[in-house]
Amino acid sequence: SDVTIRSFRFSFKLTPRNKKEAEQVKLIIRAFKRNMAPQAMGSTGEGNFFLRTPNVFKLRYRSGNKNHPFLNRFKQCFLTDMQTTYTGEGVYATYDDATPISMQLDLTFKEIEPIYFDDYDKSPTGVGF
């Protein structure tokens, strides 16, 4: 009846152990937020601008340095939702520099196009898409 576009939700617990890891966690969160935002082209101050689409993501399950031989494959996706919980253990606790000791990062991706019958011929390994 209807062609559907698949969505995928991933959940990560981020627990930095030192200042260097805390900085990396901050950069990861910022990168996802930045890449899911639309891009303005033109002068935003005067109201004469166009919006470009957010960046797209190519997701892959990995096994070592190769694609996972069994798990499903993805088409290009965009990040539709991002939830960051800064109380990953259910309580508010931070290190001396105010970095939370644990964070939960929930990401929801949606594929740009549906899966077609012929896509399975292009991906003969694993379970396909």
N, C-alpha and C. Protein backbone atom coordinates (compact mmCIF):
# COMPACT_ATOMS: atom_id res chain seq x y z
N SER A 1 0.82 -1.20 0.00
CA SER A 1 0.00 0.00 0.00
C SER A 1 0.86 1.25 0.00
N ASP A 2 1.82 1.30 0.88
CA ASP A 2 2.60 2.52 1.04
C ASP A 2 4.08 2.16 1.14
N VAL A 3 4.92 2.91 0.48
CA VAL A 3 6.36 2.74 0.61
C VAL A 3 6.80 3.49 1.86
N THR A 4 7.58 2.85 2.69
CA THR A 4 8.02 3.49 3.93
C THR A 4 9.53 3.74 3.88
N ILE A 5 9.91 4.76 4.58
CA ILE A 5 11.32 5.10 4.75
C ILE A 5 11.72 4.60 6.14
N ARG A 6 12.79 3.85 6.21
CA ARG A 6 13.18 3.26 7.50
C ARG A 6 13.85 4.28 8.42
N SER A 7 13.61 4.09 9.71
CA SER A 7 14.27 4.88 10.76
C SER A 7 15.08 3.93 11.63
N PHE A 8 16.18 4.45 12.16
CA PHE A 8 17.04 3.67 13.04
C PHE A 8 17.41 4.51 14.25
N ARG A 9 17.32 3.91 15.43
CA ARG A 9 17.67 4.61 16.66
C ARG A 9 18.87 3.92 17.29
N PHE A 10 19.85 4.73 17.66
CA PHE A 10 21.05 4.24 18.30
C PHE A 10 21.22 4.95 19.64
N SER A 11 21.67 4.22 20.62
CA SER A 11 21.85 4.78 21.96
C SER A 11 23.27 4.49 22.43
N PHE A 12 23.94 5.53 22.90
CA PHE A 12 25.32 5.40 23.36
C PHE A 12 25.47 6.00 24.75
N LYS A 13 26.16 5.31 25.62
CA LYS A 13 26.50 5.87 26.92
C LYS A 13 27.94 6.38 26.82
N LEU A 14 28.12 7.64 27.15
CA LEU A 14 29.43 8.29 27.08
C LEU A 14 29.88 8.60 28.50
N THR A 15 30.99 8.01 28.91
CA THR A 15 31.51 8.19 30.26
C THR A 15 32.99 8.55 30.18
N PRO A 16 33.30 9.84 30.08
CA PRO A 16 34.71 10.23 29.97
C PRO A 16 35.46 9.96 31.28
N ARG A 17 36.68 9.45 31.15
CA ARG A 17 37.49 9.12 32.33
C ARG A 17 38.53 10.18 32.67
N ASN A 18 38.77 11.10 31.74
CA ASN A 18 39.76 12.15 32.00
C ASN A 18 39.42 13.37 31.14
N LYS A 19 40.22 14.40 31.28
CA LYS A 19 39.94 15.67 30.58
C LYS A 19 39.99 15.52 29.06
N LYS A 20 40.92 14.73 28.56
CA LYS A 20 41.03 14.52 27.10
C LYS A 20 39.78 13.82 26.57
N GLU A 21 39.31 12.79 27.26
CA GLU A 21 38.09 12.10 26.82
C GLU A 21 36.87 13.00 26.94
N ALA A 22 36.83 13.84 27.97
CA ALA A 22 35.71 14.78 28.13
C ALA A 22 35.65 15.75 26.95
N GLU A 23 36.80 16.20 26.49
CA GLU A 23 36.84 17.10 25.34
C GLU A 23 36.36 16.38 24.08
N GLN A 24 36.74 15.12 23.92
CA GLN A 24 36.30 14.34 22.77
C GLN A 24 34.77 14.12 22.79
N VAL A 25 34.22 13.86 23.97
CA VAL A 25 32.76 13.69 24.10
C VAL A 25 32.05 14.98 23.70
N LYS A 26 32.58 16.10 24.15
CA LYS A 26 32.00 17.40 23.80
C LYS A 26 32.03 17.62 22.29
N LEU A 27 33.14 17.26 21.65
CA LEU A 27 33.27 17.42 20.20
C LEU A 27 32.31 16.49 19.44
N ILE A 28 32.11 15.27 19.95
CA ILE A 28 31.19 14.32 19.33
C ILE A 28 29.76 14.88 19.37
N ILE A 29 29.33 15.33 20.54
CA ILE A 29 27.98 15.88 20.69
C ILE A 29 27.79 17.10 19.79
N ARG A 30 28.78 17.98 19.80
CA ARG A 30 28.71 19.18 18.97
C ARG A 30 28.66 18.84 17.48
N ALA A 31 29.44 17.85 17.05
CA ALA A 31 29.47 17.46 15.63
C ALA A 31 28.11 16.95 15.18
N PHE A 32 27.46 16.11 15.99
CA PHE A 32 26.14 15.62 15.61
C PHE A 32 25.13 16.77 15.56
N LYS A 33 25.15 17.66 16.55
CA LYS A 33 24.22 18.80 16.54
C LYS A 33 24.44 19.67 15.31
N ARG A 34 25.68 19.94 15.01
CA ARG A 34 26.00 20.81 13.87
C ARG A 34 25.58 20.19 12.54
N ASN A 35 25.83 18.89 12.39
CA ASN A 35 25.56 18.24 11.12
C ASN A 35 24.09 17.90 10.90
N MET A 36 23.26 18.04 11.92
CA MET A 36 21.82 17.83 11.72
C MET A 36 21.09 19.14 11.49
N ALA A 37 21.79 20.26 11.59
CA ALA A 37 21.18 21.58 11.42
C ALA A 37 21.19 21.99 9.95
N PRO A 38 20.13 22.67 9.50
CA PRO A 38 20.14 23.19 8.12
C PRO A 38 21.19 24.29 7.98
N GLN A 39 21.62 24.52 6.76
CA GLN A 39 22.63 25.52 6.50
C GLN A 39 21.99 26.71 5.80
N ALA A 40 22.26 27.91 6.31
CA ALA A 40 21.72 29.13 5.71
C ALA A 40 22.71 29.65 4.68
N MET A 41 22.19 29.99 3.50
CA MET A 41 23.02 30.59 2.44
C MET A 41 22.49 31.98 2.17
N GLY A 42 23.37 32.95 2.16
CA GLY A 42 22.96 34.33 1.94
C GLY A 42 23.07 35.11 3.24
N SER A 43 22.49 36.28 3.26
CA SER A 43 22.56 37.17 4.41
C SER A 43 21.38 36.89 5.35
N THR A 44 21.66 36.31 6.51
CA THR A 44 20.59 36.00 7.46
C THR A 44 20.09 37.24 8.18
N GLY A 45 20.92 38.29 8.25
CA GLY A 45 20.52 39.52 8.93
C GLY A 45 19.42 40.28 8.21
N GLU A 46 19.40 40.21 6.90
CA GLU A 46 18.42 40.94 6.10
C GLU A 46 17.22 40.07 5.74
N GLY A 47 17.24 38.80 6.09
CA GLY A 47 16.15 37.91 5.76
C GLY A 47 16.20 37.37 4.35
N ASN A 48 17.28 37.66 3.61
CA ASN A 48 17.43 37.17 2.24
C ASN A 48 18.36 35.96 2.24
N PHE A 49 17.82 34.83 2.61
CA PHE A 49 18.65 33.65 2.65
C PHE A 49 17.84 32.42 2.25
N PHE A 50 18.56 31.40 1.87
CA PHE A 50 17.97 30.12 1.52
C PHE A 50 18.49 29.07 2.48
N LEU A 51 17.66 28.09 2.76
CA LEU A 51 18.09 26.99 3.62
C LEU A 51 18.53 25.81 2.77
N ARG A 52 19.71 25.30 3.08
CA ARG A 52 20.19 24.06 2.46
C ARG A 52 19.91 22.92 3.43
N THR A 53 19.82 21.75 2.88
CA THR A 53 19.53 20.58 3.73
C THR A 53 20.69 20.31 4.69
N PRO A 54 20.38 19.67 5.81
CA PRO A 54 21.46 19.24 6.71
C PRO A 54 22.35 18.20 6.02
N ASN A 55 23.47 17.92 6.61
CA ASN A 55 24.38 16.92 6.05
C ASN A 55 23.76 15.53 6.14
N VAL A 56 24.20 14.65 5.26
CA VAL A 56 23.73 13.27 5.28
C VAL A 56 24.82 12.39 5.87
N PHE A 57 24.42 11.22 6.34
CA PHE A 57 25.33 10.29 7.00
C PHE A 57 25.32 8.97 6.25
N LYS A 58 26.47 8.34 6.19
CA LYS A 58 26.58 6.99 5.64
C LYS A 58 26.91 6.08 6.82
N LEU A 59 25.93 5.33 7.25
CA LEU A 59 26.08 4.46 8.41
C LEU A 59 26.53 3.07 7.99
N ARG A 60 27.36 2.46 8.81
CA ARG A 60 27.81 1.09 8.55
C ARG A 60 28.04 0.39 9.87
N TYR A 61 27.65 -0.87 9.93
CA TYR A 61 28.07 -1.74 11.03
C TYR A 61 29.44 -2.28 10.65
N ARG A 62 30.36 -2.27 11.61
CA ARG A 62 31.72 -2.70 11.33
C ARG A 62 32.07 -3.94 12.16
N SER A 63 32.92 -4.76 11.59
CA SER A 63 33.51 -5.90 12.28
C SER A 63 35.00 -5.79 12.03
N GLY A 64 35.71 -5.27 13.00
CA GLY A 64 37.12 -4.96 12.78
C GLY A 64 37.22 -3.78 11.83
N ASN A 65 38.00 -3.92 10.78
CA ASN A 65 38.14 -2.83 9.81
C ASN A 65 37.33 -3.07 8.54
N LYS A 66 36.36 -3.99 8.59
CA LYS A 66 35.52 -4.31 7.43
C LYS A 66 34.06 -4.13 7.78
N ASN A 67 33.21 -4.07 6.76
CA ASN A 67 31.77 -4.05 6.99
C ASN A 67 31.37 -5.37 7.63
N HIS A 68 30.39 -5.31 8.53
CA HIS A 68 29.94 -6.52 9.20
C HIS A 68 29.33 -7.47 8.17
N PRO A 69 29.71 -8.76 8.19
CA PRO A 69 29.26 -9.68 7.14
C PRO A 69 27.80 -10.14 7.28
N PHE A 70 27.16 -9.88 8.41
CA PHE A 70 25.81 -10.39 8.61
C PHE A 70 24.75 -9.29 8.73
N LEU A 71 25.04 -8.25 9.49
CA LEU A 71 24.03 -7.25 9.82
C LEU A 71 23.57 -6.44 8.61
N ASN A 72 22.41 -5.80 8.77
CA ASN A 72 21.82 -5.05 7.65
C ASN A 72 22.68 -3.87 7.22
N ARG A 73 22.43 -3.45 6.00
CA ARG A 73 23.10 -2.29 5.43
C ARG A 73 22.14 -1.11 5.46
N PHE A 74 22.68 0.08 5.26
CA PHE A 74 21.90 1.31 5.28
C PHE A 74 22.09 2.05 3.96
N LYS A 75 21.07 2.78 3.57
CA LYS A 75 21.23 3.79 2.53
C LYS A 75 21.61 5.10 3.23
N GLN A 76 21.89 6.15 2.47
CA GLN A 76 22.23 7.42 3.10
C GLN A 76 21.10 7.87 4.01
N CYS A 77 21.48 8.45 5.13
CA CYS A 77 20.51 8.86 6.15
C CYS A 77 20.72 10.31 6.53
N PHE A 78 19.69 10.88 7.15
CA PHE A 78 19.85 12.16 7.81
C PHE A 78 19.45 11.98 9.27
N LEU A 79 20.01 12.80 10.12
CA LEU A 79 19.77 12.72 11.55
C LEU A 79 18.50 13.51 11.87
N THR A 80 17.45 12.81 12.28
CA THR A 80 16.16 13.46 12.53
C THR A 80 15.96 13.88 13.97
N ASP A 81 16.63 13.20 14.89
CA ASP A 81 16.44 13.54 16.30
C ASP A 81 17.69 13.17 17.08
N MET A 82 17.99 14.01 18.05
CA MET A 82 19.14 13.77 18.93
C MET A 82 18.75 14.17 20.34
N GLN A 83 18.84 13.25 21.25
CA GLN A 83 18.56 13.52 22.65
C GLN A 83 19.83 13.28 23.44
N THR A 84 20.24 14.27 24.20
CA THR A 84 21.42 14.14 25.05
C THR A 84 20.97 14.28 26.49
N THR A 85 21.19 13.23 27.26
CA THR A 85 20.87 13.25 28.68
C THR A 85 22.18 13.40 29.44
N TYR A 86 22.31 14.48 30.15
CA TYR A 86 23.56 14.76 30.85
C TYR A 86 23.60 14.14 32.23
N THR A 87 22.59 13.40 32.59
CA THR A 87 22.55 12.64 33.84
C THR A 87 22.45 11.16 33.48
N GLY A 88 23.50 10.63 32.88
CA GLY A 88 23.50 9.28 32.34
C GLY A 88 23.26 8.19 33.36
N GLU A 89 23.57 8.45 34.62
CA GLU A 89 23.35 7.46 35.68
C GLU A 89 22.09 7.76 36.48
N GLY A 90 21.31 8.73 36.01
CA GLY A 90 20.06 9.07 36.70
C GLY A 90 20.21 10.11 37.80
N VAL A 91 21.42 10.57 38.02
CA VAL A 91 21.67 11.62 39.02
C VAL A 91 22.61 12.65 38.42
N TYR A 92 22.51 13.88 38.89
CA TYR A 92 23.39 14.94 38.42
C TYR A 92 24.71 14.85 39.18
N ALA A 93 25.80 14.58 38.45
CA ALA A 93 27.13 14.53 39.05
C ALA A 93 28.14 14.96 37.98
N THR A 94 29.10 15.79 38.39
CA THR A 94 30.10 16.28 37.45
C THR A 94 31.49 16.15 38.04
N TYR A 95 32.47 16.24 37.16
CA TYR A 95 33.86 16.34 37.59
C TYR A 95 34.11 17.79 38.01
N ASP A 96 35.30 18.08 38.49
CA ASP A 96 35.64 19.42 38.97
C ASP A 96 35.49 20.49 37.89
N ASP A 97 35.68 20.13 36.63
CA ASP A 97 35.56 21.11 35.54
C ASP A 97 34.12 21.23 35.01
N ALA A 98 33.14 20.65 35.70
CA ALA A 98 31.71 20.69 35.39
C ALA A 98 31.29 19.73 34.27
N THR A 99 32.19 18.88 33.81
CA THR A 99 31.83 17.86 32.83
C THR A 99 31.00 16.78 33.53
N PRO A 100 29.83 16.44 32.97
CA PRO A 100 29.05 15.35 33.56
C PRO A 100 29.84 14.04 33.55
N ILE A 101 29.67 13.24 34.58
CA ILE A 101 30.44 11.98 34.67
C ILE A 101 29.91 10.92 33.71
N SER A 102 28.64 11.06 33.30
CA SER A 102 28.06 10.11 32.38
C SER A 102 26.94 10.78 31.59
N MET A 103 26.90 10.48 30.29
CA MET A 103 25.88 11.06 29.41
C MET A 103 25.29 9.97 28.54
N GLN A 104 24.04 10.13 28.19
CA GLN A 104 23.36 9.21 27.28
C GLN A 104 23.07 9.96 25.99
N LEU A 105 23.49 9.42 24.87
CA LEU A 105 23.28 10.04 23.57
C LEU A 105 22.39 9.13 22.73
N ASP A 106 21.20 9.62 22.39
CA ASP A 106 20.25 8.87 21.57
C ASP A 106 20.11 9.56 20.22
N LEU A 107 20.38 8.83 19.16
CA LEU A 107 20.35 9.37 17.80
C LEU A 107 19.32 8.61 16.98
N THR A 108 18.50 9.35 16.22
CA THR A 108 17.54 8.73 15.31
C THR A 108 17.86 9.17 13.90
N PHE A 109 18.14 8.21 13.04
CA PHE A 109 18.45 8.46 11.65
C PHE A 109 17.29 7.96 10.78
N LYS A 110 17.08 8.61 9.66
CA LYS A 110 16.07 8.18 8.70
C LYS A 110 16.72 8.14 7.32
N GLU A 111 16.46 7.04 6.60
CA GLU A 111 17.03 6.91 5.27
C GLU A 111 16.38 7.90 4.31
N ILE A 112 17.13 8.33 3.32
CA ILE A 112 16.66 9.32 2.36
C ILE A 112 15.70 8.70 1.34
N GLU A 113 15.94 7.45 0.97
CA GLU A 113 15.09 6.80 -0.02
C GLU A 113 14.70 5.41 0.45
N PRO A 114 13.60 4.88 -0.06
CA PRO A 114 13.16 3.55 0.36
C PRO A 114 14.07 2.45 -0.18
N ILE A 115 13.89 1.26 0.36
CA ILE A 115 14.60 0.08 -0.12
C ILE A 115 13.76 -0.52 -1.26
N TYR A 116 14.41 -0.78 -2.38
CA TYR A 116 13.74 -1.36 -3.53
C TYR A 116 14.14 -2.83 -3.70
N PHE A 117 13.34 -3.56 -4.40
CA PHE A 117 13.56 -4.98 -4.68
C PHE A 117 14.96 -5.20 -5.25
N ASP A 118 15.35 -4.37 -6.20
CA ASP A 118 16.65 -4.53 -6.88
C ASP A 118 17.84 -4.25 -5.97
N ASP A 119 17.64 -3.54 -4.87
CA ASP A 119 18.74 -3.25 -3.95
C ASP A 119 19.35 -4.53 -3.39
N TYR A 120 18.55 -5.58 -3.24
CA TYR A 120 19.07 -6.83 -2.70
C TYR A 120 20.01 -7.52 -3.68
N ASP A 121 19.84 -7.28 -4.98
CA ASP A 121 20.78 -7.83 -5.96
C ASP A 121 22.13 -7.11 -5.90
N LYS A 122 22.11 -5.84 -5.51
CA LYS A 122 23.35 -5.06 -5.43
C LYS A 122 24.13 -5.37 -4.15
N SER A 123 23.46 -6.00 -3.18
CA SER A 123 24.07 -6.31 -1.90
C SER A 123 23.90 -7.79 -1.59
N PRO A 124 24.69 -8.66 -2.24
CA PRO A 124 24.48 -10.10 -2.09
C PRO A 124 24.96 -10.69 -0.76
N THR A 125 25.66 -9.93 0.06
CA THR A 125 26.18 -10.49 1.31
C THR A 125 25.28 -10.14 2.48
N GLY A 126 25.40 -10.90 3.55
CA GLY A 126 24.63 -10.64 4.77
C GLY A 126 23.14 -10.73 4.55
N VAL A 127 22.39 -10.01 5.36
CA VAL A 127 20.93 -10.03 5.25
C VAL A 127 20.41 -8.96 4.30
N GLY A 128 21.29 -8.19 3.71
CA GLY A 128 20.87 -7.12 2.79
C GLY A 128 20.53 -5.86 3.55
N PHE A 129 19.44 -5.23 3.13
CA PHE A 129 19.07 -3.94 3.73
C PHE A 129 18.10 -4.07 4.85
